[in-house]
């Protein structure tokens, strides 16, 4: 079989392997997949130890699945990250490094994760944002969606669109999607875009319950503007909102390229920072309630024992750490993502793993869980061993990158490697600086050891590993 596949063209190989894989799993035995992505969600979740926000529904998913405590995106920006994990390819392979480029420009024949399941005979649908489109500007549209990936699509749109004029922004001259902004909204959860998205997802579950199906659900919150009905704000009094610890030496000893904002905290006062963080957390709590509706439907329809449920974000998110807000840094907070898999019959149920994993691992993992051999050209790996035993030994390192485009200078890239103990970052191959943090002793990344003579050997070793991973 493998010899025959080697003689076929690439599109023919995909079809050949897909048909062969179908034979390996009978339709009535196949697991369904519900793949949930929340926009701009970091690890401010109860099951990750966040003390200020209530997320009972995501927490109960973690209680019946495996929580990955050290999962990392490949690019801390919506479009590059989503193009990466939906194709299973690194950003340097998709050639998507911004929010405007479609991955099919460089990979016209790519078989995406939902396309792969489509080829196995699954009914494949999405609700909301899976590939990139601008929030809030393109809510209700398909944006940079990929039509070949779906049999059916739903683009929900709620009153958060009509209420945009009421949103508070720290920079009214800038677009709401790229600026810290928020609204404690009137009305009910069901009137919001995410409320409508949850209702549409439930309808699709009811329609597809005979299976097998792959349902992708993309929630918009907590992406800025942080919008949630007022009761979600009221649940968290401002005086209970903590702020990020401040590095006592500020930006001293850290390359300028590490910061995507010139002014710490975008010039926000302490009081405004507290309001902004509360709004972000309120949006998470609201989004969690919508996730809960989908999980309830899975259980009500008798699908829990034959459905894999994934919960994740698209990248990390800053809430004042290092004086930064939002994304596009290579610090831990911007690169780390929440990631939970609840898969029927796995021994790791209710446990967590400290394995270093990447978002490009989603595609091969879901393929394996459903009994299929993932495409060999994917950049990720299957995480099934950690679902069987979360303590499985592992020495993997995660690679994240982000571009910098300053005035009067050429664009350059930063690459960051996260190992079990260290985070090592090079900007423009080191020409514009480097960062090295001992994450065991300095988890807040206050002391850059890149130029410390005592860390020279560690830096050299991590540089070689980074070069090897970039070339993979």
Protein backbone atom coordinates (compact mmCIF):
# COMPACT_ATOMS: atom_id res chain seq x y z
CA UNK A 1 0.00 0.00 0.00
CA UNK A 2 2.74 2.44 0.93
CA UNK A 3 4.60 1.69 -2.35
CA UNK A 4 1.47 2.44 -4.34
CA UNK A 5 0.92 5.68 -2.44
CA UNK A 6 4.46 6.76 -3.26
CA UNK A 7 3.71 6.52 -6.99
CA UNK A 8 0.62 8.75 -6.83
CA UNK A 9 0.39 12.54 -7.15
CA UNK A 10 -0.14 14.43 -3.90
CA UNK A 11 -3.95 14.93 -4.26
CA UNK A 12 -4.28 11.28 -5.30
CA UNK A 13 -2.23 10.18 -2.30
CA UNK A 14 -4.63 12.00 0.00
CA UNK A 15 -7.65 10.30 -1.59
CA UNK A 16 -5.93 6.91 -1.58
CA UNK A 17 -4.99 7.14 2.09
CA UNK A 18 -8.41 8.51 3.05
CA UNK A 19 -10.22 5.59 1.42
CA UNK A 20 -7.80 3.13 2.98
CA UNK A 21 -8.35 4.68 6.40
CA UNK A 22 -12.12 4.37 6.12
CA UNK A 23 -11.69 0.59 5.95
CA UNK A 24 -9.91 0.65 9.31
CA UNK A 25 -12.86 2.06 11.24
CA UNK A 26 -16.48 1.09 10.78
CA UNK A 27 -18.89 4.02 10.65
CA UNK A 28 -20.93 2.80 13.60
CA UNK A 29 -17.81 2.56 15.79
CA UNK A 30 -16.33 5.94 14.96
CA UNK A 31 -16.11 8.69 17.55
CA UNK A 32 -17.58 12.12 16.91
CA UNK A 33 -15.56 15.30 17.47
CA UNK A 34 -16.66 18.62 18.99
CA UNK A 35 -13.81 21.10 18.62
CA UNK A 36 -14.32 24.31 20.64
CA UNK A 37 -12.10 27.38 20.25
CA UNK A 38 -12.50 30.58 22.26
CA UNK A 39 -10.99 33.72 20.74
CA UNK A 40 -8.03 35.26 22.64
CA UNK A 41 -8.52 32.95 25.63
CA UNK A 42 -5.61 32.53 28.02
CA UNK A 43 -5.43 30.22 31.03
CA UNK A 44 -7.61 32.39 33.29
CA UNK A 45 -9.82 29.39 34.04
CA UNK A 46 -10.76 27.76 37.30
CA UNK A 47 -9.27 24.41 36.31
CA UNK A 48 -5.94 26.16 35.66
CA UNK A 49 -5.95 27.67 39.14
CA UNK A 50 -7.23 31.16 38.29
CA UNK A 51 -8.80 32.48 41.53
CA UNK A 52 -10.91 35.35 40.22
CA UNK A 53 -13.12 33.85 37.53
CA UNK A 54 -15.75 31.12 37.69
CA UNK A 55 -15.66 28.66 34.79
CA UNK A 56 -17.66 25.68 36.07
CA UNK A 57 -18.44 24.26 32.64
CA UNK A 58 -14.92 24.20 31.23
CA UNK A 59 -13.83 22.90 34.62
CA UNK A 60 -16.25 19.95 34.41
CA UNK A 61 -14.92 19.16 30.95
CA UNK A 62 -11.43 19.04 32.46
CA UNK A 63 -12.74 16.75 35.21
CA UNK A 64 -13.66 14.13 32.60
CA UNK A 65 -10.70 14.72 30.31
CA UNK A 66 -6.99 15.52 30.37
CA UNK A 67 -5.81 19.07 31.02
CA UNK A 68 -2.57 20.03 29.30
CA UNK A 69 -0.79 22.50 31.58
CA UNK A 70 1.97 23.39 29.13
CA UNK A 71 0.45 23.76 25.67
CA UNK A 72 1.78 26.44 23.30
CA UNK A 73 0.68 28.19 20.14
CA UNK A 74 2.90 28.48 17.08
CA UNK A 75 2.16 32.18 16.54
CA UNK A 76 0.48 34.54 19.03
CA UNK A 77 -1.88 36.16 16.52
CA UNK A 78 -5.27 34.91 15.32
CA UNK A 79 -4.83 34.18 11.62
CA UNK A 80 -1.32 32.65 11.72
CA UNK A 81 -2.23 30.49 14.71
CA UNK A 82 -5.53 29.26 13.29
CA UNK A 83 -4.04 28.56 9.85
CA UNK A 84 -1.33 26.58 11.63
CA UNK A 85 -3.42 24.31 13.84
CA UNK A 86 -6.15 23.82 11.23
CA UNK A 87 -3.59 22.60 8.68
CA UNK A 88 -1.23 20.95 11.17
CA UNK A 89 1.64 22.99 9.70
CA UNK A 90 3.98 25.54 11.22
CA UNK A 91 3.61 29.21 10.19
CA UNK A 92 6.81 29.08 8.14
CA UNK A 93 5.17 26.30 6.11
CA UNK A 94 1.76 27.96 5.74
CA UNK A 95 3.52 31.30 5.05
CA UNK A 96 0.86 33.04 7.12
CA UNK A 97 2.44 35.67 9.37
CA UNK A 98 -0.33 38.28 9.49
CA UNK A 99 -4.10 38.63 9.69
CA UNK A 100 -4.60 39.21 5.96
CA UNK A 101 -3.02 36.23 4.17
CA UNK A 102 -5.00 33.07 3.42
CA UNK A 103 -3.08 29.83 3.89
CA UNK A 104 -4.16 28.51 0.47
CA UNK A 105 -2.00 31.14 -1.20
CA UNK A 106 1.04 29.03 -0.26
CA UNK A 107 -0.73 25.69 0.25
CA UNK A 108 -3.49 25.47 -2.37
CA UNK A 109 -3.77 21.68 -2.01
CA UNK A 110 -3.60 21.45 1.76
CA UNK A 111 -6.00 19.01 3.39
CA UNK A 112 -7.16 20.73 6.54
CA UNK A 113 -8.18 18.97 9.73
CA UNK A 114 -11.93 19.23 8.98
CA UNK A 115 -11.31 18.22 5.35
CA UNK A 116 -9.51 15.12 6.58
CA UNK A 117 -12.54 14.12 8.63
CA UNK A 118 -14.77 14.92 5.68
CA UNK A 119 -12.76 12.44 3.60
CA UNK A 120 -13.41 9.77 6.24
CA UNK A 121 -17.17 10.09 5.77
CA UNK A 122 -17.85 12.52 8.61
CA UNK A 123 -20.46 15.27 8.43
CA UNK A 124 -18.40 18.43 9.02
CA UNK A 125 -19.78 21.79 10.11
CA UNK A 126 -18.68 24.93 11.88
CA UNK A 127 -20.35 27.66 13.92
CA UNK A 128 -18.58 30.99 14.34
CA UNK A 129 -14.88 31.74 14.09
CA UNK A 130 -12.53 28.86 13.29
CA UNK A 131 -10.38 30.35 10.57
CA UNK A 132 -9.65 34.03 10.95
CA UNK A 133 -11.90 36.96 10.47
CA UNK A 134 -11.78 40.31 12.15
CA UNK A 135 -13.56 40.80 15.47
CA UNK A 136 -15.78 42.69 15.82
CA UNK A 137 -15.77 44.07 12.25
CA UNK A 138 -16.47 40.80 10.42
CA UNK A 139 -18.82 39.14 12.90
CA UNK A 140 -21.70 37.69 10.89
CA UNK A 141 -19.53 37.07 7.82
CA UNK A 142 -17.20 34.27 6.77
CA UNK A 143 -14.08 36.46 6.72
CA UNK A 144 -11.01 34.40 5.80
CA UNK A 145 -12.90 31.13 6.11
CA UNK A 146 -11.99 28.09 4.00
CA UNK A 147 -15.05 26.86 2.10
CA UNK A 148 -13.60 23.40 1.23
CA UNK A 149 -13.30 22.63 4.94
CA UNK A 150 -17.03 22.46 5.68
CA UNK A 151 -20.27 20.91 4.56
CA UNK A 152 -22.23 23.52 6.51
CA UNK A 153 -21.43 26.87 8.14
CA UNK A 154 -23.25 29.21 10.51
CA UNK A 155 -22.11 32.81 11.03
CA UNK A 156 -23.98 34.00 14.13
CA UNK A 157 -24.47 37.70 14.77
CA UNK A 158 -25.91 39.24 17.94
CA UNK A 159 -26.64 42.53 19.60
CA UNK A 160 -22.96 43.06 20.44
CA UNK A 161 -22.67 44.22 16.81
CA UNK A 162 -25.48 46.77 17.09
CA UNK A 163 -24.20 47.92 20.49
CA UNK A 164 -20.68 48.73 19.26
CA UNK A 165 -21.22 52.49 19.54
CA UNK A 166 -21.59 52.02 23.30
CA UNK A 167 -18.24 50.27 23.75
CA UNK A 168 -15.61 52.05 25.87
CA UNK A 169 -12.13 52.08 24.30
CA UNK A 170 -8.84 53.29 25.75
CA UNK A 171 -8.05 54.61 22.26
CA UNK A 172 -11.26 55.76 20.53
CA UNK A 173 -9.36 56.57 17.32
CA UNK A 174 -8.27 52.94 16.85
CA UNK A 175 -10.37 49.99 15.77
CA UNK A 176 -12.09 48.03 18.53
CA UNK A 177 -10.54 44.72 17.47
CA UNK A 178 -6.97 45.75 18.24
CA UNK A 179 -7.56 47.98 21.27
CA UNK A 180 -8.39 47.26 24.89
CA UNK A 181 -12.12 48.00 25.01
CA UNK A 182 -15.22 46.69 26.74
CA UNK A 183 -18.95 46.88 27.36
CA UNK A 184 -21.17 45.68 30.20
CA UNK A 185 -24.09 44.96 27.88
CA UNK A 186 -27.82 45.16 28.31
CA UNK A 187 -29.99 42.18 27.46
CA UNK A 188 -29.56 38.45 27.83
CA UNK A 189 -26.85 35.95 27.03
CA UNK A 190 -28.99 34.56 24.23
CA UNK A 191 -28.95 37.92 22.40
CA UNK A 192 -25.16 37.99 22.17
CA UNK A 193 -23.29 36.48 19.22
CA UNK A 194 -21.86 33.72 21.39
CA UNK A 195 -25.31 32.96 22.78
CA UNK A 196 -26.63 32.58 19.25
CA UNK A 197 -23.59 30.49 18.35
CA UNK A 198 -24.27 28.08 21.21
CA UNK A 199 -27.89 27.72 20.07
CA UNK A 200 -26.76 27.01 16.49
CA UNK A 201 -24.24 24.42 17.69
CA UNK A 202 -26.97 22.64 19.64
CA UNK A 203 -29.20 22.56 16.55
CA UNK A 204 -26.37 20.98 14.55
CA UNK A 205 -25.77 18.40 17.29
CA UNK A 206 -29.43 17.46 17.23
CA UNK A 207 -29.41 17.18 13.45
CA UNK A 208 -26.15 15.21 13.30
CA UNK A 209 -26.51 12.96 16.35
CA UNK A 210 -26.57 9.79 14.25
CA UNK A 211 -22.92 10.56 13.46
CA UNK A 212 -20.18 10.42 12.72
CA UNK A 213 -19.72 14.19 12.81
CA UNK A 214 -17.01 16.79 13.28
CA UNK A 215 -18.48 19.99 14.72
CA UNK A 216 -16.23 23.03 15.19
CA UNK A 217 -17.56 25.78 17.45
CA UNK A 218 -15.77 29.12 17.52
CA UNK A 219 -16.70 31.54 20.32
CA UNK A 220 -15.78 35.22 20.00
CA UNK A 221 -15.19 36.08 23.62
CA UNK A 222 -13.07 37.06 25.36
CA UNK A 223 -11.64 38.85 22.27
CA UNK A 224 -11.72 42.61 22.58
CA UNK A 225 -14.08 44.38 22.84
CA UNK A 226 -14.72 42.43 26.03
CA UNK A 227 -18.51 42.27 25.85
CA UNK A 228 -20.77 40.38 28.23
CA UNK A 229 -24.18 41.07 29.78
CA UNK A 230 -23.96 43.21 32.93
CA UNK A 231 -24.60 40.40 35.43
CA UNK A 232 -21.28 38.80 34.48
CA UNK A 233 -19.49 42.04 35.39
CA UNK A 234 -21.40 42.30 38.68
CA UNK A 235 -20.20 38.87 39.78
CA UNK A 236 -16.64 40.21 40.09
CA UNK A 237 -16.31 43.40 42.20
CA UNK A 238 -13.53 45.69 41.02
CA UNK A 239 -11.79 45.63 44.39
CA UNK A 240 -11.32 41.87 44.04
CA UNK A 241 -9.49 42.15 40.73
CA UNK A 242 -5.74 41.70 41.12
CA UNK A 243 -3.16 43.21 38.81
CA UNK A 244 -0.07 41.57 37.34
CA UNK A 245 3.14 41.71 39.34
CA UNK A 246 5.54 44.33 38.04
CA UNK A 247 9.18 43.55 37.27
CA UNK A 248 11.25 45.69 39.65
CA UNK A 249 13.76 46.53 36.89
CA UNK A 250 11.14 47.31 34.25
CA UNK A 251 12.38 46.69 30.71
CA UNK A 252 16.04 46.88 31.66
CA UNK A 253 18.13 44.15 30.06
CA UNK A 254 15.35 43.03 27.69
CA UNK A 255 15.53 43.57 23.90
CA UNK A 256 13.22 46.28 22.58
CA UNK A 257 11.82 43.76 20.11
CA UNK A 258 10.30 41.81 23.01
CA UNK A 259 7.68 44.54 23.47
CA UNK A 260 4.94 45.21 20.95
CA UNK A 261 3.84 48.40 22.73
CA UNK A 262 6.10 51.37 23.36
CA UNK A 263 4.30 52.54 26.49
CA UNK A 264 3.79 50.15 29.42
CA UNK A 265 0.13 49.22 29.87
CA UNK A 266 -0.71 51.32 26.80
CA UNK A 267 -0.78 54.32 29.13
CA UNK A 268 -3.65 52.93 31.23
CA UNK A 269 -3.93 54.02 34.86
CA UNK A 270 -4.08 51.38 37.59
CA UNK A 271 -7.84 51.92 37.90
CA UNK A 272 -8.34 51.46 34.14
CA UNK A 273 -6.21 48.33 34.15
CA UNK A 274 -8.42 46.87 36.85
CA UNK A 275 -11.57 47.68 34.86
CA UNK A 276 -10.08 46.16 31.72
CA UNK A 277 -9.11 42.92 33.46
CA UNK A 278 -12.54 42.60 35.06
CA UNK A 279 -14.15 43.01 31.63
CA UNK A 280 -11.89 40.31 30.17
CA UNK A 281 -12.73 37.92 33.01
CA UNK A 282 -16.45 38.70 32.73
CA UNK A 283 -16.24 37.80 29.04
CA UNK A 284 -14.61 34.48 29.94
CA UNK A 285 -17.33 33.66 32.48
CA UNK A 286 -20.02 34.51 29.91
CA UNK A 287 -18.30 32.39 27.25
CA UNK A 288 -17.97 29.51 29.72
CA UNK A 289 -21.74 29.54 30.21
CA UNK A 290 -22.21 29.15 26.44
CA UNK A 291 -19.76 26.25 26.41
CA UNK A 292 -21.87 24.73 29.17
CA UNK A 293 -24.95 24.79 26.95
CA UNK A 294 -23.10 22.81 24.28
CA UNK A 295 -21.79 20.29 26.84
CA UNK A 296 -25.29 19.89 28.27
CA UNK A 297 -26.63 19.13 24.79
CA UNK A 298 -23.94 16.49 24.21
CA UNK A 299 -25.02 14.75 27.41
CA UNK A 300 -28.76 15.17 26.79
CA UNK A 301 -28.46 13.64 23.34
CA UNK A 302 -26.58 10.60 24.68
CA UNK A 303 -23.40 11.54 22.80
CA UNK A 304 -20.94 11.88 25.69
CA UNK A 305 -19.66 8.30 25.47
CA UNK A 306 -18.96 8.52 21.75
CA UNK A 307 -17.79 12.10 21.32
CA UNK A 308 -14.34 13.63 21.76
CA UNK A 309 -14.54 17.19 23.07
CA UNK A 310 -11.64 19.62 22.72
CA UNK A 311 -11.51 23.02 24.43
CA UNK A 312 -8.78 25.53 23.61
CA UNK A 313 -7.98 29.12 22.64
CA UNK A 314 -6.02 30.32 19.61
CA UNK A 315 -3.05 31.80 21.52
CA UNK A 316 -2.17 33.27 24.91
CA UNK A 317 -3.02 36.74 26.15
CA UNK A 318 -1.41 39.41 28.33
CA UNK A 319 -3.27 41.14 31.14
CA UNK A 320 -0.53 43.53 32.20
CA UNK A 321 2.41 41.14 32.60
CA UNK A 322 5.61 42.91 31.52
CA UNK A 323 3.42 45.99 31.00
CA UNK A 324 1.78 44.27 28.01
CA UNK A 325 -1.85 43.72 27.06
CA UNK A 326 -3.27 41.41 24.44
CA UNK A 327 -0.88 39.28 22.34
CA UNK A 328 2.05 39.19 19.88
CA UNK A 329 4.86 38.76 22.38
CA UNK A 330 7.06 35.72 22.96
CA UNK A 331 6.74 35.75 26.72
CA UNK A 332 5.06 32.75 28.35
CA UNK A 333 1.74 34.54 28.84
CA UNK A 334 1.29 35.23 25.12
CA UNK A 335 2.34 31.79 23.92
CA UNK A 336 0.68 29.45 26.43
CA UNK A 337 -2.85 28.25 25.70
CA UNK A 338 -5.53 26.31 27.57
CA UNK A 339 -6.01 22.86 26.11
CA UNK A 340 -8.35 20.11 27.33
CA UNK A 341 -9.28 16.84 25.62
CA UNK A 342 -12.09 14.67 26.91
CA UNK A 343 -11.96 11.40 24.97
CA UNK A 344 -14.12 8.39 25.82
CA UNK A 345 -12.36 5.43 27.36
CA UNK A 346 -9.03 7.10 28.14
CA UNK A 347 -7.30 6.25 31.42
CA UNK A 348 -6.10 9.80 32.02
CA UNK A 349 -9.60 11.06 32.77
CA UNK A 350 -9.62 13.86 35.36
CA UNK A 351 -5.83 14.27 35.39
CA UNK A 352 -3.36 16.81 34.02
CA UNK A 353 -0.06 16.50 32.23
CA UNK A 354 3.02 18.71 32.24
CA UNK A 355 4.15 17.49 28.83
CA UNK A 356 5.24 20.28 26.48
CA UNK A 357 2.78 20.18 23.57
CA UNK A 358 1.93 22.38 20.59
CA UNK A 359 -1.23 23.37 18.77
CA UNK A 360 -0.01 21.65 15.61
CA UNK A 361 -0.52 18.44 17.61
CA UNK A 362 -4.33 18.81 17.56
CA UNK A 363 -4.79 17.47 14.03
CA UNK A 364 -2.75 14.23 14.33
CA UNK A 365 -4.12 13.60 17.83
CA UNK A 366 -7.77 13.76 16.75
CA UNK A 367 -7.04 11.61 13.70
CA UNK A 368 -5.43 8.94 15.88
CA UNK A 369 -8.18 9.06 18.49
CA UNK A 370 -10.74 8.36 15.78
CA UNK A 371 -8.80 5.39 14.44
CA UNK A 372 -7.14 7.00 11.41
CA UNK A 373 -3.52 7.39 10.41
CA UNK A 374 -2.74 11.14 10.24
CA UNK A 375 -1.06 12.49 7.10
CA UNK A 376 2.69 11.96 7.29
CA UNK A 377 3.52 15.50 6.22
CA UNK A 378 1.93 17.16 9.26
CA UNK A 379 4.35 19.01 11.52
CA UNK A 380 2.74 17.90 14.77
CA UNK A 381 2.61 14.63 16.69
CA UNK A 382 -0.10 12.53 18.30
CA UNK A 383 -0.73 13.19 21.99
CA UNK A 384 -2.70 9.98 22.55
CA UNK A 385 0.00 8.54 24.87
CA UNK A 386 -0.65 11.39 27.33
CA UNK A 387 -4.38 10.65 27.31
CA UNK A 388 -3.62 7.07 28.26
CA UNK A 389 -1.01 8.07 30.85
CA UNK A 390 -0.53 11.81 31.58
CA UNK A 391 2.77 11.01 33.32
CA UNK A 392 4.34 9.57 30.16
CA UNK A 393 8.00 10.74 30.02
CA UNK A 394 8.68 13.32 27.34
CA UNK A 395 11.45 15.75 26.34
CA UNK A 396 9.66 17.75 23.64
CA UNK A 397 10.15 21.51 23.15
CA UNK A 398 7.57 23.94 21.75
CA UNK A 399 8.43 26.48 19.04
CA UNK A 400 6.63 29.82 18.73
CA UNK A 401 7.38 32.72 16.41
CA UNK A 402 6.19 36.26 15.76
CA UNK A 403 7.11 38.95 13.24
CA UNK A 404 8.19 42.49 14.05
CA UNK A 405 7.61 45.33 11.61
CA UNK A 406 9.00 48.62 12.90
CA UNK A 407 9.11 51.99 11.23
CA UNK A 408 12.12 52.52 9.03
CA UNK A 409 13.36 48.97 9.38
CA UNK A 410 12.87 45.70 7.60
CA UNK A 411 10.58 43.07 9.04
CA UNK A 412 12.26 40.43 11.15
CA UNK A 413 11.14 37.38 13.06
CA UNK A 414 11.49 36.29 16.63
CA UNK A 415 11.57 32.59 17.53
CA UNK A 416 11.07 31.21 21.03
CA UNK A 417 11.71 27.73 22.34
CA UNK A 418 9.97 26.42 25.46
CA UNK A 419 11.64 23.42 27.06
CA UNK A 420 10.84 21.71 30.33
CA UNK A 421 12.92 24.27 32.26
CA UNK A 422 13.74 27.21 29.99
CA UNK A 423 12.29 29.72 27.58
CA UNK A 424 14.83 30.88 25.02
CA UNK A 425 14.09 33.56 22.42
CA UNK A 426 16.11 35.05 19.56
CA UNK A 427 15.11 38.16 17.66
CA UNK A 428 16.33 38.35 14.06
CA UNK A 429 18.62 35.41 14.67
CA UNK A 430 20.00 37.13 17.75
CA UNK A 431 21.01 40.30 15.89
CA UNK A 432 18.27 42.24 17.71
CA UNK A 433 18.69 40.55 21.04
CA UNK A 434 17.95 37.36 22.92
CA UNK A 435 16.11 36.29 26.05
CA UNK A 436 16.72 33.36 28.36
CA UNK A 437 14.57 32.59 31.39
CA UNK A 438 14.83 29.82 33.95
CA UNK A 439 11.12 29.02 34.26
CA UNK A 440 11.62 26.95 37.42
CA UNK A 441 13.32 29.73 39.37
CA UNK A 442 11.84 32.71 37.56
CA UNK A 443 8.35 31.81 36.27
CA UNK A 444 7.39 35.48 35.86
CA UNK A 445 10.39 36.03 33.56
CA UNK A 446 11.88 38.96 35.42
CA UNK A 447 15.58 38.16 34.90
CA UNK A 448 16.94 37.77 31.38
CA UNK A 449 19.94 35.39 31.55
CA UNK A 450 20.87 35.59 27.86
CA UNK A 451 24.02 37.64 28.53
CA UNK A 452 24.85 36.06 31.87
CA UNK A 453 28.28 34.37 31.62
CA UNK A 454 27.11 31.61 33.93
CA UNK A 455 24.34 30.73 31.44
CA UNK A 456 26.51 30.71 28.32
CA UNK A 457 26.53 26.93 28.02
CA UNK A 458 22.75 26.73 28.44
CA UNK A 459 22.23 29.46 25.86
CA UNK A 460 24.52 27.71 23.37
CA UNK A 461 22.68 24.42 23.82
CA UNK A 462 19.26 26.04 23.41
CA UNK A 463 20.44 27.97 20.36
CA UNK A 464 21.40 24.71 18.67
CA UNK A 465 18.08 23.16 19.60
CA UNK A 466 16.21 26.22 18.30
CA UNK A 467 18.04 26.02 14.97
CA UNK A 468 17.17 22.33 14.71
CA UNK A 469 13.48 22.93 15.47
CA UNK A 470 13.26 25.81 12.96
CA UNK A 471 14.61 23.53 10.29
CA UNK A 472 12.16 20.72 11.02
